[in-house]
Amino acid sequence: MYRDLRLGEDRKDSKPSTPSSARLRRSTRTTTWAIFNYSSIYSLNFLKLPPVEPPSIGLPYDEHEIAETDQWSPYPEHGQVTFHWNLMYNKLCELAMICWKISKLLFSSRSKDDMNSSRAAAEAIGEELVIWRTQLPFELRRHSGMAPPIMEVHAISYYASITLMEFLKKPEVVPPSTPTNIEFVNKQDQRTILCVMEVYTLIEIFSKAYTTARPAPSLFQGASVGAFTLIKSLDTPENVPVFTQFCKFVIAGAKHHVLWRGIAGMIRLTAERVGVTLPSALDQELLDVTKGIFHSEDRKTLNNSQYPSYTLAKDMMREDDFTLGELLDKWDSLEIEATNDEGS
């Protein structure tokens, strides 16, 4: 529909502007950017190529409109927070454009000869993310009283950085053969952990203000990426409480949404796959909330899920058994093998 209706194109209107035409233009812009934002961010979440091209029209809100304030309140009611919707929406559109660039770079087919240029492009996009964060206006900076939609925008920026930095650590991008390259990869590791900790801080702020009864979706995605990023680093003691907090946030969401239950189960399956033993109490919590994904209606819904295990998709391009649906199929195979072994 986006392509068929040419929603992203800037088509000049020769008719004089009227209040109704201005409203229509605004509605068209916000709708167009909403489609683009959704497709770009979810393409990054699922490690896929984005299905649409960026709009060539301007951002939804003009300079004189972005100073308007609004009131935001969660469901169920929990008091109101002053909210700068127009300003936030424009910055979200800018961030979605960066996410689009990341997905376009990481998930396009390319030869090994392209890797040097890909590395340079990835570093340039990483710098764009840093600039985007440093240039956020005061109203959108992180603080304990910010509205959850603003927290979500911050979370998207951090897990976008994590995805990009995982690409920059790939051996074919930076061969680990020289001290300079080893130092570069170590620096990406440090930056990844810093971004993971930023997501952790956002979740702490949200949990204290609103509890974890109804996790915000992009914070949930941040917790998921954080958990998969840390799962192979639990031998570092300070990572364990952070990983546990991410998992508890995922568990809270799993009580409300079938995909989130699947992701909670995927954390356990991934740990098994990479030979990591989870803390026993946490492992039991994950098991309790995800039992239904294997033998119920949940399973029918999740069979074709393309949600990736970020731990198993480190090279970003593998197509073998790192999605939720594929991992569940592998689990079935293991169950059948175990049953056959017991019967023999």
C-alpha atoms as a PDB file:
ATOM      1  CA  MET A   1       0.000   0.000   0.000  1.00  0.00           C
ATOM      2  CA  TYR A   2       2.827   2.372   0.931  1.00  0.00           C
ATOM      3  CA  ARG A   3       4.399   1.832  -2.501  1.00  0.00           C
ATOM      4  CA  ASP A   4       1.148   1.617  -4.479  1.00  0.00           C
ATOM      5  CA  LEU A   5      -0.164   4.911  -3.110  1.00  0.00           C
ATOM      6  CA  ARG A   6       3.288   6.522  -3.385  1.00  0.00           C
ATOM      7  CA  LEU A   7       2.878   7.741   0.165  1.00  0.00           C
ATOM      8  CA  GLY A   8       6.563   8.517   0.606  1.00  0.00           C
ATOM      9  CA  GLU A   9       6.780  10.860  -2.385  1.00  0.00           C
ATOM     10  CA  ASP A  10       6.760  14.629  -2.080  1.00  0.00           C
ATOM     11  CA  ARG A  11       4.011  15.680  -4.461  1.00  0.00           C
ATOM     12  CA  LYS A  12       3.559  19.435  -4.823  1.00  0.00           C
ATOM     13  CA  ASP A  13       0.017  20.766  -4.606  1.00  0.00           C
ATOM     14  CA  SER A  14      -0.652  23.745  -6.868  1.00  0.00           C
ATOM     15  CA  LYS A  15      -3.861  24.646  -5.026  1.00  0.00           C
ATOM     16  CA  PRO A  16      -3.803  27.440  -2.402  1.00  0.00           C
ATOM     17  CA  SER A  17      -3.268  26.213   1.154  1.00  0.00           C
ATOM     18  CA  THR A  18      -6.336  26.182   3.414  1.00  0.00           C
ATOM     19  CA  PRO A  19      -6.760  25.024   7.033  1.00  0.00           C
ATOM     20  CA  SER A  20      -8.347  21.785   5.823  1.00  0.00           C
ATOM     21  CA  SER A  21      -5.600  21.136   3.255  1.00  0.00           C
ATOM     22  CA  ALA A  22      -2.952  21.823   5.920  1.00  0.00           C
ATOM     23  CA  ARG A  23      -4.617  19.281   8.214  1.00  0.00           C
ATOM     24  CA  LEU A  24      -4.741  16.759   5.377  1.00  0.00           C
ATOM     25  CA  ARG A  25      -1.067  17.367   4.595  1.00  0.00           C
ATOM     26  CA  ARG A  26      -0.187  16.855   8.269  1.00  0.00           C
ATOM     27  CA  SER A  27      -2.252  13.657   8.438  1.00  0.00           C
ATOM     28  CA  THR A  28      -0.601  12.325   5.281  1.00  0.00           C
ATOM     29  CA  ARG A  29       2.853  13.050   6.641  1.00  0.00           C
ATOM     30  CA  THR A  30       2.245  11.477  10.040  1.00  0.00           C
ATOM     31  CA  THR A  31       0.660   8.387   8.458  1.00  0.00           C
ATOM     32  CA  THR A  32       3.458   8.019   5.906  1.00  0.00           C
ATOM     33  CA  TRP A  33       6.156   8.322   8.534  1.00  0.00           C
ATOM     34  CA  ALA A  34       4.283   5.969  10.877  1.00  0.00           C
ATOM     35  CA  ILE A  35       4.348   3.239   8.208  1.00  0.00           C
ATOM     36  CA  PHE A  36       8.029   3.858   7.536  1.00  0.00           C
ATOM     37  CA  ASN A  37       8.935   3.986  11.245  1.00  0.00           C
ATOM     38  CA  TYR A  38       7.110   0.761  11.992  1.00  0.00           C
ATOM     39  CA  SER A  39       8.592  -1.144   9.056  1.00  0.00           C
ATOM     40  CA  SER A  40      12.148   0.122   9.655  1.00  0.00           C
ATOM     41  CA  ILE A  41      12.241  -0.561  13.384  1.00  0.00           C
ATOM     42  CA  TYR A  42      10.581  -3.963  13.108  1.00  0.00           C
ATOM     43  CA  SER A  43      12.896  -4.945  10.252  1.00  0.00           C
ATOM     44  CA  LEU A  44      15.793  -4.257  12.605  1.00  0.00           C
ATOM     45  CA  ASN A  45      14.092  -6.220  15.401  1.00  0.00           C
ATOM     46  CA  PHE A  46      13.710  -9.239  13.111  1.00  0.00           C
ATOM     47  CA  LEU A  47      17.107  -8.829  11.398  1.00  0.00           C
ATOM     48  CA  LYS A  48      15.489  -8.414   7.977  1.00  0.00           C
ATOM     49  CA  LEU A  49      15.802  -6.087   5.000  1.00  0.00           C
ATOM     50  CA  PRO A  50      13.359  -3.161   5.286  1.00  0.00           C
ATOM     51  CA  PRO A  51      10.417  -3.560   2.881  1.00  0.00           C
ATOM     52  CA  VAL A  52       9.953   0.140   2.032  1.00  0.00           C
ATOM     53  CA  GLU A  53      12.129   3.062   0.990  1.00  0.00           C
ATOM     54  CA  PRO A  54      12.423   6.232   3.106  1.00  0.00           C
ATOM     55  CA  PRO A  55       9.890   9.012   2.494  1.00  0.00           C
ATOM     56  CA  SER A  56      11.037  12.001   0.463  1.00  0.00           C
ATOM     57  CA  ILE A  57       8.529  14.244   2.230  1.00  0.00           C
ATOM     58  CA  GLY A  58       9.450  16.427   5.187  1.00  0.00           C
ATOM     59  CA  LEU A  59       9.173  15.418   8.834  1.00  0.00           C
ATOM     60  CA  PRO A  60       5.608  15.401  10.215  1.00  0.00           C
ATOM     61  CA  TYR A  61       5.848  18.545  12.351  1.00  0.00           C
ATOM     62  CA  ASP A  62       7.228  21.956  11.429  1.00  0.00           C
ATOM     63  CA  GLU A  63       9.436  24.069  13.686  1.00  0.00           C
ATOM     64  CA  HIS A  64       6.533  26.131  15.053  1.00  0.00           C
ATOM     65  CA  GLU A  65       4.621  22.947  15.966  1.00  0.00           C
ATOM     66  CA  ILE A  66       7.274  20.965  17.830  1.00  0.00           C
ATOM     67  CA  ALA A  67       7.136  23.149  20.954  1.00  0.00           C
ATOM     68  CA  GLU A  68       3.533  22.117  21.661  1.00  0.00           C
ATOM     69  CA  THR A  69       3.078  20.020  24.801  1.00  0.00           C
ATOM     70  CA  ASP A  70       0.650  17.254  25.587  1.00  0.00           C
ATOM     71  CA  GLN A  71      -0.293  15.118  28.569  1.00  0.00           C
ATOM     72  CA  TRP A  72       0.483  11.424  28.567  1.00  0.00           C
ATOM     73  CA  SER A  73      -1.048   8.870  30.915  1.00  0.00           C
ATOM     74  CA  PRO A  74      -0.554   5.094  30.968  1.00  0.00           C
ATOM     75  CA  TYR A  75      -3.182   2.393  30.983  1.00  0.00           C
ATOM     76  CA  PRO A  76      -4.351   1.635  33.622  1.00  0.00           C
ATOM     77  CA  GLU A  77      -4.398   5.208  34.942  1.00  0.00           C
ATOM     78  CA  HIS A  78      -1.259   6.181  36.813  1.00  0.00           C
ATOM     79  CA  GLY A  79      -1.269   9.982  36.762  1.00  0.00           C
ATOM     80  CA  GLN A  80      -0.261  12.243  33.886  1.00  0.00           C
ATOM     81  CA  VAL A  81       3.150  13.236  32.571  1.00  0.00           C
ATOM     82  CA  THR A  82       3.945  16.293  30.457  1.00  0.00           C
ATOM     83  CA  PHE A  83       4.744  14.978  27.040  1.00  0.00           C
ATOM     84  CA  HIS A  84       6.265  16.554  23.922  1.00  0.00           C
ATOM     85  CA  TRP A  85       4.622  14.365  21.297  1.00  0.00           C
ATOM     86  CA  ASN A  86       5.428  16.446  18.201  1.00  0.00           C
ATOM     87  CA  LEU A  87       9.066  16.840  19.159  1.00  0.00           C
ATOM     88  CA  MET A  88       9.433  13.171  20.061  1.00  0.00           C
ATOM     89  CA  TYR A  89       7.738  12.005  16.866  1.00  0.00           C
ATOM     90  CA  ASN A  90      10.105  13.996  14.668  1.00  0.00           C
ATOM     91  CA  LYS A  91      13.121  12.542  16.502  1.00  0.00           C
ATOM     92  CA  LEU A  92      11.639   9.040  16.201  1.00  0.00           C
ATOM     93  CA  CYS A  93      11.388   9.549  12.429  1.00  0.00           C
ATOM     94  CA  GLU A  94      15.074  10.511  12.321  1.00  0.00           C
ATOM     95  CA  LEU A  95      15.944   7.426  14.376  1.00  0.00           C
ATOM     96  CA  ALA A  96      13.855   5.175  12.110  1.00  0.00           C
ATOM     97  CA  MET A  97      15.857   6.476   9.160  1.00  0.00           C
ATOM     98  CA  ILE A  98      19.070   5.380  10.906  1.00  0.00           C
ATOM     99  CA  CYS A  99      17.518   1.970  11.680  1.00  0.00           C
ATOM    100  CA  TRP A 100      16.642   1.658   7.994  1.00  0.00           C
ATOM    101  CA  LYS A 101      20.279   2.326   7.070  1.00  0.00           C
ATOM    102  CA  ILE A 102      21.478  -0.314   9.546  1.00  0.00           C
ATOM    103  CA  SER A 103      19.129  -2.987   8.186  1.00  0.00           C
ATOM    104  CA  LYS A 104      19.930  -2.064   4.590  1.00  0.00           C
ATOM    105  CA  LEU A 105      23.656  -2.394   5.300  1.00  0.00           C
ATOM    106  CA  LEU A 106      23.623  -5.499   7.483  1.00  0.00           C
ATOM    107  CA  PHE A 107      21.069  -7.653   5.706  1.00  0.00           C
ATOM    108  CA  SER A 108      21.846  -6.993   2.034  1.00  0.00           C
ATOM    109  CA  SER A 109      23.744  -9.668   0.127  1.00  0.00           C
ATOM    110  CA  ARG A 110      27.361  -8.710  -0.412  1.00  0.00           C
ATOM    111  CA  SER A 111      30.677 -10.346  -1.187  1.00  0.00           C
ATOM    112  CA  LYS A 112      33.704 -10.472   1.075  1.00  0.00           C
ATOM    113  CA  ASP A 113      35.288  -7.811  -1.129  1.00  0.00           C
ATOM    114  CA  ASP A 114      32.613  -5.401   0.093  1.00  0.00           C
ATOM    115  CA  MET A 115      33.496  -5.876   3.772  1.00  0.00           C
ATOM    116  CA  ASN A 116      35.964  -2.984   4.032  1.00  0.00           C
ATOM    117  CA  SER A 117      33.449  -0.513   2.642  1.00  0.00           C
ATOM    118  CA  SER A 118      30.750  -2.096   4.813  1.00  0.00           C
ATOM    119  CA  ARG A 119      32.885  -1.568   7.905  1.00  0.00           C
ATOM    120  CA  ALA A 120      33.392   2.097   7.016  1.00  0.00           C
ATOM    121  CA  ALA A 121      29.656   2.500   6.393  1.00  0.00           C
ATOM    122  CA  ALA A 122      28.812   0.796   9.697  1.00  0.00           C
ATOM    123  CA  GLU A 123      31.177   3.070  11.610  1.00  0.00           C
ATOM    124  CA  ALA A 124      29.615   6.107   9.924  1.00  0.00           C
ATOM    125  CA  ILE A 125      26.108   4.959  10.892  1.00  0.00           C
ATOM    126  CA  GLY A 126      27.320   4.344  14.440  1.00  0.00           C
ATOM    127  CA  GLU A 127      28.531   7.925  14.554  1.00  0.00           C
ATOM    128  CA  GLU A 128      25.101   9.064  13.311  1.00  0.00           C
ATOM    129  CA  LEU A 129      23.507   7.305  16.291  1.00  0.00           C
ATOM    130  CA  VAL A 130      25.910   9.003  18.695  1.00  0.00           C
ATOM    131  CA  ILE A 131      25.177  12.413  17.146  1.00  0.00           C
ATOM    132  CA  TRP A 132      21.425  11.724  17.225  1.00  0.00           C
ATOM    133  CA  ARG A 133      21.630  11.043  20.982  1.00  0.00           C
ATOM    134  CA  THR A 134      23.896  13.980  21.807  1.00  0.00           C
ATOM    135  CA  GLN A 135      21.676  16.387  19.873  1.00  0.00           C
ATOM    136  CA  LEU A 136      18.439  15.363  21.569  1.00  0.00           C
ATOM    137  CA  PRO A 137      16.680  18.467  22.894  1.00  0.00           C
ATOM    138  CA  PHE A 138      16.450  18.959  26.644  1.00  0.00           C
ATOM    139  CA  GLU A 139      12.804  17.813  26.728  1.00  0.00           C
ATOM    140  CA  LEU A 140      13.773  14.377  25.403  1.00  0.00           C
ATOM    141  CA  ARG A 141      16.860  13.787  27.543  1.00  0.00           C
ATOM    142  CA  ARG A 142      16.791  10.905  29.993  1.00  0.00           C
ATOM    143  CA  HIS A 143      15.470  11.655  33.479  1.00  0.00           C
ATOM    144  CA  SER A 144      13.466   9.796  36.106  1.00  0.00           C
ATOM    145  CA  GLY A 145      10.164  11.504  35.259  1.00  0.00           C
ATOM    146  CA  MET A 146      10.149  11.074  31.496  1.00  0.00           C
ATOM    147  CA  ALA A 147       7.176   9.507  29.744  1.00  0.00           C
ATOM    148  CA  PRO A 148       7.582   5.833  28.709  1.00  0.00           C
ATOM    149  CA  PRO A 149       7.262   6.584  24.955  1.00  0.00           C
ATOM    150  CA  ILE A 150      10.431   8.688  25.292  1.00  0.00           C
ATOM    151  CA  MET A 151      12.108   5.827  27.179  1.00  0.00           C
ATOM    152  CA  GLU A 152      11.179   3.576  24.266  1.00  0.00           C
ATOM    153  CA  VAL A 153      12.820   5.889  21.737  1.00  0.00           C
ATOM    154  CA  HIS A 154      16.011   5.830  23.808  1.00  0.00           C
ATOM    155  CA  ALA A 155      15.836   2.024  24.020  1.00  0.00           C
ATOM    156  CA  ILE A 156      15.498   1.716  20.232  1.00  0.00           C
ATOM    157  CA  SER A 157      18.610   3.836  19.756  1.00  0.00           C
ATOM    158  CA  TYR A 158      20.629   1.643  22.124  1.00  0.00           C
ATOM    159  CA  TYR A 159      19.604  -1.729  20.746  1.00  0.00           C
ATOM    160  CA  ALA A 160      20.205  -0.362  17.239  1.00  0.00           C
ATOM    161  CA  SER A 161      23.754   0.436  18.375  1.00  0.00           C
ATOM    162  CA  ILE A 162      24.143  -3.053  19.856  1.00  0.00           C
ATOM    163  CA  THR A 163      23.053  -4.687  16.584  1.00  0.00           C
ATOM    164  CA  LEU A 164      25.465  -2.527  14.609  1.00  0.00           C
ATOM    165  CA  MET A 165      28.396  -3.211  16.939  1.00  0.00           C
ATOM    166  CA  GLU A 166      27.822  -6.961  16.781  1.00  0.00           C
ATOM    167  CA  PHE A 167      28.238  -6.649  13.007  1.00  0.00           C
ATOM    168  CA  LEU A 168      31.494  -4.736  13.480  1.00  0.00           C
ATOM    169  CA  LYS A 169      32.901  -7.634  15.534  1.00  0.00           C
ATOM    170  CA  LYS A 170      32.410 -10.212  12.772  1.00  0.00           C
ATOM    171  CA  PRO A 171      35.698 -11.897  11.761  1.00  0.00           C
ATOM    172  CA  GLU A 172      35.066 -11.259   8.059  1.00  0.00           C
ATOM    173  CA  VAL A 173      34.606  -7.536   8.801  1.00  0.00           C
ATOM    174  CA  VAL A 174      37.557  -7.205  11.186  1.00  0.00           C
ATOM    175  CA  PRO A 175      39.883 -10.227  10.870  1.00  0.00           C
ATOM    176  CA  PRO A 176      41.341 -10.891  14.370  1.00  0.00           C
ATOM    177  CA  SER A 177      44.878 -11.138  13.024  1.00  0.00           C
ATOM    178  CA  THR A 178      46.508  -7.898  14.123  1.00  0.00           C
ATOM    179  CA  PRO A 179      46.807  -6.085  17.476  1.00  0.00           C
ATOM    180  CA  THR A 180      44.982  -3.115  15.951  1.00  0.00           C
ATOM    181  CA  ASN A 181      41.998  -5.263  14.954  1.00  0.00           C
ATOM    182  CA  ILE A 182      41.925  -7.030  18.324  1.00  0.00           C
ATOM    183  CA  GLU A 183      41.895  -3.638  20.038  1.00  0.00           C
ATOM    184  CA  PHE A 184      39.079  -2.506  17.725  1.00  0.00           C
ATOM    185  CA  VAL A 185      36.931  -5.552  18.567  1.00  0.00           C
ATOM    186  CA  ASN A 186      37.595  -5.080  22.289  1.00  0.00           C
ATOM    187  CA  LYS A 187      36.438  -1.488  21.965  1.00  0.00           C
ATOM    188  CA  GLN A 188      33.205  -2.654  20.296  1.00  0.00           C
ATOM    189  CA  ASP A 189      32.697  -5.093  23.193  1.00  0.00           C
ATOM    190  CA  GLN A 190      33.040  -2.240  25.674  1.00  0.00           C
ATOM    191  CA  ARG A 191      30.632  -0.055  23.716  1.00  0.00           C
ATOM    192  CA  THR A 192      28.137  -2.907  23.511  1.00  0.00           C
ATOM    193  CA  ILE A 193      28.181  -3.350  27.295  1.00  0.00           C
ATOM    194  CA  LEU A 194      27.732   0.407  27.783  1.00  0.00           C
ATOM    195  CA  CYS A 195      24.636   0.327  25.550  1.00  0.00           C
ATOM    196  CA  VAL A 196      23.325  -2.752  27.373  1.00  0.00           C
ATOM    197  CA  MET A 197      23.701  -0.887  30.675  1.00  0.00           C
ATOM    198  CA  GLU A 198      21.846   2.123  29.258  1.00  0.00           C
ATOM    199  CA  VAL A 199      18.909  -0.169  28.408  1.00  0.00           C
ATOM    200  CA  TYR A 200      19.131  -1.628  31.921  1.00  0.00           C
ATOM    201  CA  THR A 201      18.906   1.887  33.402  1.00  0.00           C
ATOM    202  CA  LEU A 202      15.837   2.693  31.284  1.00  0.00           C
ATOM    203  CA  ILE A 203      14.121  -0.485  32.474  1.00  0.00           C
ATOM    204  CA  GLU A 204      14.968   0.364  36.089  1.00  0.00           C
ATOM    205  CA  ILE A 205      13.405   3.825  35.674  1.00  0.00           C
ATOM    206  CA  PHE A 206      10.288   2.363  34.046  1.00  0.00           C
ATOM    207  CA  SER A 207       9.909  -0.418  36.623  1.00  0.00           C
ATOM    208  CA  LYS A 208      10.154   1.952  39.587  1.00  0.00           C
ATOM    209  CA  ALA A 209       7.663   4.420  38.116  1.00  0.00           C
ATOM    210  CA  TYR A 210       5.136   2.056  36.518  1.00  0.00           C
ATOM    211  CA  THR A 211       6.027  -1.472  37.766  1.00  0.00           C
ATOM    212  CA  THR A 212       6.575  -4.310  35.279  1.00  0.00           C
ATOM    213  CA  ALA A 213       2.908  -5.313  35.092  1.00  0.00           C
ATOM    214  CA  ARG A 214       2.654  -4.053  31.499  1.00  0.00           C
ATOM    215  CA  PRO A 215       6.091  -3.621  29.902  1.00  0.00           C
ATOM    216  CA  ALA A 216       6.408  -1.045  27.133  1.00  0.00           C
ATOM    217  CA  PRO A 217       7.057  -2.888  23.821  1.00  0.00           C
ATOM    218  CA  SER A 218      10.331  -1.229  22.820  1.00  0.00           C
ATOM    219  CA  LEU A 219      11.667  -1.580  26.355  1.00  0.00           C
ATOM    220  CA  PHE A 220      10.710  -5.248  26.130  1.00  0.00           C
ATOM    221  CA  GLN A 221      12.682  -5.504  22.883  1.00  0.00           C
ATOM    222  CA  GLY A 222      15.606  -3.770  24.593  1.00  0.00           C
ATOM    223  CA  ALA A 223      15.442  -6.292  27.452  1.00  0.00           C
ATOM    224  CA  SER A 224      15.335  -9.159  24.950  1.00  0.00           C
ATOM    225  CA  VAL A 225      18.377  -7.895  23.034  1.00  0.00           C
ATOM    226  CA  GLY A 226      20.164  -7.231  26.329  1.00  0.00           C
ATOM    227  CA  ALA A 227      19.499 -10.762  27.594  1.00  0.00           C
ATOM    228  CA  PHE A 228      20.668 -12.397  24.360  1.00  0.00           C
ATOM    229  CA  THR A 229      23.757 -10.172  24.329  1.00  0.00           C
ATOM    230  CA  LEU A 230      24.775 -11.134  27.880  1.00  0.00           C
ATOM    231  CA  ILE A 231      23.821 -14.813  27.829  1.00  0.00           C
ATOM    232  CA  LYS A 232      27.331 -15.988  26.924  1.00  0.00           C
ATOM    233  CA  SER A 233      28.978 -13.600  29.409  1.00  0.00           C
ATOM    234  CA  LEU A 234      27.422 -14.841  32.651  1.00  0.00           C
ATOM    235  CA  ASP A 235      30.837 -15.949  33.873  1.00  0.00           C
ATOM    236  CA  THR A 236      31.390 -12.234  34.598  1.00  0.00           C
ATOM    237  CA  PRO A 237      29.665 -11.787  38.004  1.00  0.00           C
ATOM    238  CA  GLU A 238      28.471  -8.217  37.417  1.00  0.00           C
ATOM    239  CA  ASN A 239      26.564  -9.334  34.303  1.00  0.00           C
ATOM    240  CA  VAL A 240      24.373 -11.807  36.200  1.00  0.00           C
ATOM    241  CA  PRO A 241      22.035  -9.322  38.002  1.00  0.00           C
ATOM    242  CA  VAL A 242      21.659  -7.288  34.802  1.00  0.00           C
ATOM    243  CA  PHE A 243      20.825 -10.409  32.784  1.00  0.00           C
ATOM    244  CA  THR A 244      18.395 -11.502  35.513  1.00  0.00           C
ATOM    245  CA  GLN A 245      16.619  -8.137  35.453  1.00  0.00           C
ATOM    246  CA  PHE A 246      16.256  -8.335  31.675  1.00  0.00           C
ATOM    247  CA  CYS A 247      14.791 -11.836  31.972  1.00  0.00           C
ATOM    248  CA  LYS A 248      12.336 -10.780  34.681  1.00  0.00           C
ATOM    249  CA  PHE A 249      11.135  -7.954  32.437  1.00  0.00           C
ATOM    250  CA  VAL A 250      10.672 -10.487  29.631  1.00  0.00           C
ATOM    251  CA  ILE A 251       8.814 -12.827  32.017  1.00  0.00           C
ATOM    252  CA  ALA A 252       6.471  -9.973  32.998  1.00  0.00           C
ATOM    253  CA  GLY A 253       5.637  -9.372  29.331  1.00  0.00           C
ATOM    254  CA  ALA A 254       5.290 -13.102  28.681  1.00  0.00           C
ATOM    255  CA  LYS A 255       2.215 -13.170  30.913  1.00  0.00           C
ATOM    256  CA  HIS A 256       0.382 -10.933  28.431  1.00  0.00           C
ATOM    257  CA  HIS A 257       1.575 -11.787  24.921  1.00  0.00           C
ATOM    258  CA  VAL A 258       2.202 -15.057  23.098  1.00  0.00           C
ATOM    259  CA  LEU A 259       5.258 -13.813  21.174  1.00  0.00           C
ATOM    260  CA  TRP A 260       6.795 -12.595  24.409  1.00  0.00           C
ATOM    261  CA  ARG A 261       6.195 -16.032  25.936  1.00  0.00           C
ATOM    262  CA  GLY A 262       7.996 -17.457  22.954  1.00  0.00           C
ATOM    263  CA  ILE A 263      10.933 -15.095  23.494  1.00  0.00           C
ATOM    264  CA  ALA A 264      11.147 -16.097  27.158  1.00  0.00           C
ATOM    265  CA  GLY A 265      11.273 -19.724  26.037  1.00  0.00           C
ATOM    266  CA  MET A 266      13.850 -18.841  23.416  1.00  0.00           C
ATOM    267  CA  ILE A 267      16.182 -17.534  26.113  1.00  0.00           C
ATOM    268  CA  ARG A 268      16.108 -20.970  27.778  1.00  0.00           C
ATOM    269  CA  LEU A 269      16.533 -22.814  24.472  1.00  0.00           C
ATOM    270  CA  THR A 270      19.409 -20.546  23.473  1.00  0.00           C
ATOM    271  CA  ALA A 271      21.154 -21.118  26.810  1.00  0.00           C
ATOM    272  CA  GLU A 272      20.886 -24.871  26.230  1.00  0.00           C
ATOM    273  CA  ARG A 273      22.134 -24.507  22.675  1.00  0.00           C
ATOM    274  CA  VAL A 274      25.292 -22.586  23.673  1.00  0.00           C
ATOM    275  CA  GLY A 275      25.964 -24.639  26.809  1.00  0.00           C
ATOM    276  CA  VAL A 276      25.184 -21.946  29.380  1.00  0.00           C
ATOM    277  CA  THR A 277      23.656 -22.895  32.741  1.00  0.00           C
ATOM    278  CA  LEU A 278      21.184 -20.262  33.894  1.00  0.00           C
ATOM    279  CA  PRO A 279      20.735 -19.432  37.596  1.00  0.00           C
ATOM    280  CA  SER A 280      18.385 -22.159  38.849  1.00  0.00           C
ATOM    281  CA  ALA A 281      15.647 -19.887  40.247  1.00  0.00           C
ATOM    282  CA  LEU A 282      15.582 -17.821  37.049  1.00  0.00           C
ATOM    283  CA  ASP A 283      15.559 -20.942  34.893  1.00  0.00           C
ATOM    284  CA  GLN A 284      12.504 -22.184  36.799  1.00  0.00           C
ATOM    285  CA  GLU A 285      10.706 -18.845  36.359  1.00  0.00           C
ATOM    286  CA  LEU A 286      11.351 -18.962  32.618  1.00  0.00           C
ATOM    287  CA  LEU A 287      10.155 -22.559  32.482  1.00  0.00           C
ATOM    288  CA  ASP A 288       6.963 -21.800  34.420  1.00  0.00           C
ATOM    289  CA  VAL A 289       5.937 -18.922  32.161  1.00  0.00           C
ATOM    290  CA  THR A 290       6.775 -20.709  28.899  1.00  0.00           C
ATOM    291  CA  LYS A 291       5.474 -24.259  29.354  1.00  0.00           C
ATOM    292  CA  GLY A 292       2.577 -23.597  27.008  1.00  0.00           C
ATOM    293  CA  ILE A 293       4.697 -22.656  24.003  1.00  0.00           C
ATOM    294  CA  PHE A 294       5.511 -26.291  23.314  1.00  0.00           C
ATOM    295  CA  HIS A 295       2.130 -28.043  23.589  1.00  0.00           C
ATOM    296  CA  SER A 296      -0.753 -25.592  23.147  1.00  0.00           C
ATOM    297  CA  GLU A 297      -2.383 -22.993  20.935  1.00  0.00           C
ATOM    298  CA  ASP A 298       0.682 -20.850  21.620  1.00  0.00           C
ATOM    299  CA  ARG A 299       2.742 -23.296  19.619  1.00  0.00           C
ATOM    300  CA  LYS A 300       0.539 -22.989  16.545  1.00  0.00           C
ATOM    301  CA  THR A 301       0.998 -19.230  16.652  1.00  0.00           C
ATOM    302  CA  LEU A 302       4.764 -19.432  17.134  1.00  0.00           C
ATOM    303  CA  ASN A 303       5.569 -22.172  14.609  1.00  0.00           C
ATOM    304  CA  ASN A 304       6.311 -19.698  11.835  1.00  0.00           C
ATOM    305  CA  SER A 305       7.754 -16.966  14.022  1.00  0.00           C
ATOM    306  CA  GLN A 306      10.785 -15.278  12.481  1.00  0.00           C
ATOM    307  CA  TYR A 307      11.858 -13.614  15.727  1.00  0.00           C
ATOM    308  CA  PRO A 308      15.625 -14.202  16.012  1.00  0.00           C
ATOM    309  CA  SER A 309      17.845 -15.370  18.821  1.00  0.00           C
ATOM    310  CA  TYR A 310      20.426 -12.590  18.758  1.00  0.00           C
ATOM    311  CA  THR A 311      22.931 -14.910  20.435  1.00  0.00           C
ATOM    312  CA  LEU A 312      22.737 -17.446  17.611  1.00  0.00           C
ATOM    313  CA  ALA A 313      22.561 -14.805  14.877  1.00  0.00           C
ATOM    314  CA  LYS A 314      25.867 -13.146  15.709  1.00  0.00           C
ATOM    315  CA  ASP A 315      26.969 -13.187  12.089  1.00  0.00           C
ATOM    316  CA  MET A 316      23.639 -11.540  11.202  1.00  0.00           C
ATOM    317  CA  MET A 317      23.259 -13.463   7.976  1.00  0.00           C
ATOM    318  CA  ARG A 318      22.888 -17.086   9.031  1.00  0.00           C
ATOM    319  CA  GLU A 319      19.631 -18.612   7.953  1.00  0.00           C
ATOM    320  CA  ASP A 320      19.930 -21.865   9.911  1.00  0.00           C
ATOM    321  CA  ASP A 321      17.931 -22.430  13.084  1.00  0.00           C
ATOM    322  CA  PHE A 322      18.241 -19.140  14.904  1.00  0.00           C
ATOM    323  CA  THR A 323      14.586 -18.040  14.723  1.00  0.00           C
ATOM    324  CA  LEU A 324      11.979 -18.928  17.313  1.00  0.00           C
ATOM    325  CA  GLY A 325      10.039 -21.227  14.972  1.00  0.00           C
ATOM    326  CA  GLU A 326      13.216 -23.068  13.960  1.00  0.00           C
ATOM    327  CA  LEU A 327      14.384 -23.454  17.549  1.00  0.00           C
ATOM    328  CA  LEU A 328      11.029 -24.962  18.498  1.00  0.00           C
ATOM    329  CA  ASP A 329      11.399 -27.437  15.626  1.00  0.00           C
ATOM    330  CA  LYS A 330      14.869 -28.337  16.913  1.00  0.00           C
ATOM    331  CA  TRP A 331      13.395 -28.828  20.379  1.00  0.00           C
ATOM    332  CA  ASP A 332      10.836 -31.254  18.905  1.00  0.00           C
ATOM    333  CA  SER A 333      13.638 -33.220  17.238  1.00  0.00           C
ATOM    334  CA  LEU A 334      15.534 -33.454  20.507  1.00  0.00           C
ATOM    335  CA  GLU A 335      12.382 -34.632  22.287  1.00  0.00           C
ATOM    336  CA  ILE A 336      11.802 -37.338  19.664  1.00  0.00           C
ATOM    337  CA  GLU A 337      15.437 -38.474  19.890  1.00  0.00           C
ATOM    338  CA  ALA A 338      15.249 -38.574  23.682  1.00  0.00           C
ATOM    339  CA  THR A 339      12.032 -40.625  23.545  1.00  0.00           C
ATOM    340  CA  ASN A 340      13.572 -43.063  21.062  1.00  0.00           C
ATOM    341  CA  ASP A 341      16.676 -43.421  23.238  1.00  0.00           C
ATOM    342  CA  GLU A 342      14.541 -44.208  26.272  1.00  0.00           C
ATOM    343  CA  GLY A 343      12.579 -46.834  24.332  1.00  0.00           C
ATOM    344  CA  SER A 344      15.633 -48.614  22.923  1.00  0.00           C
END
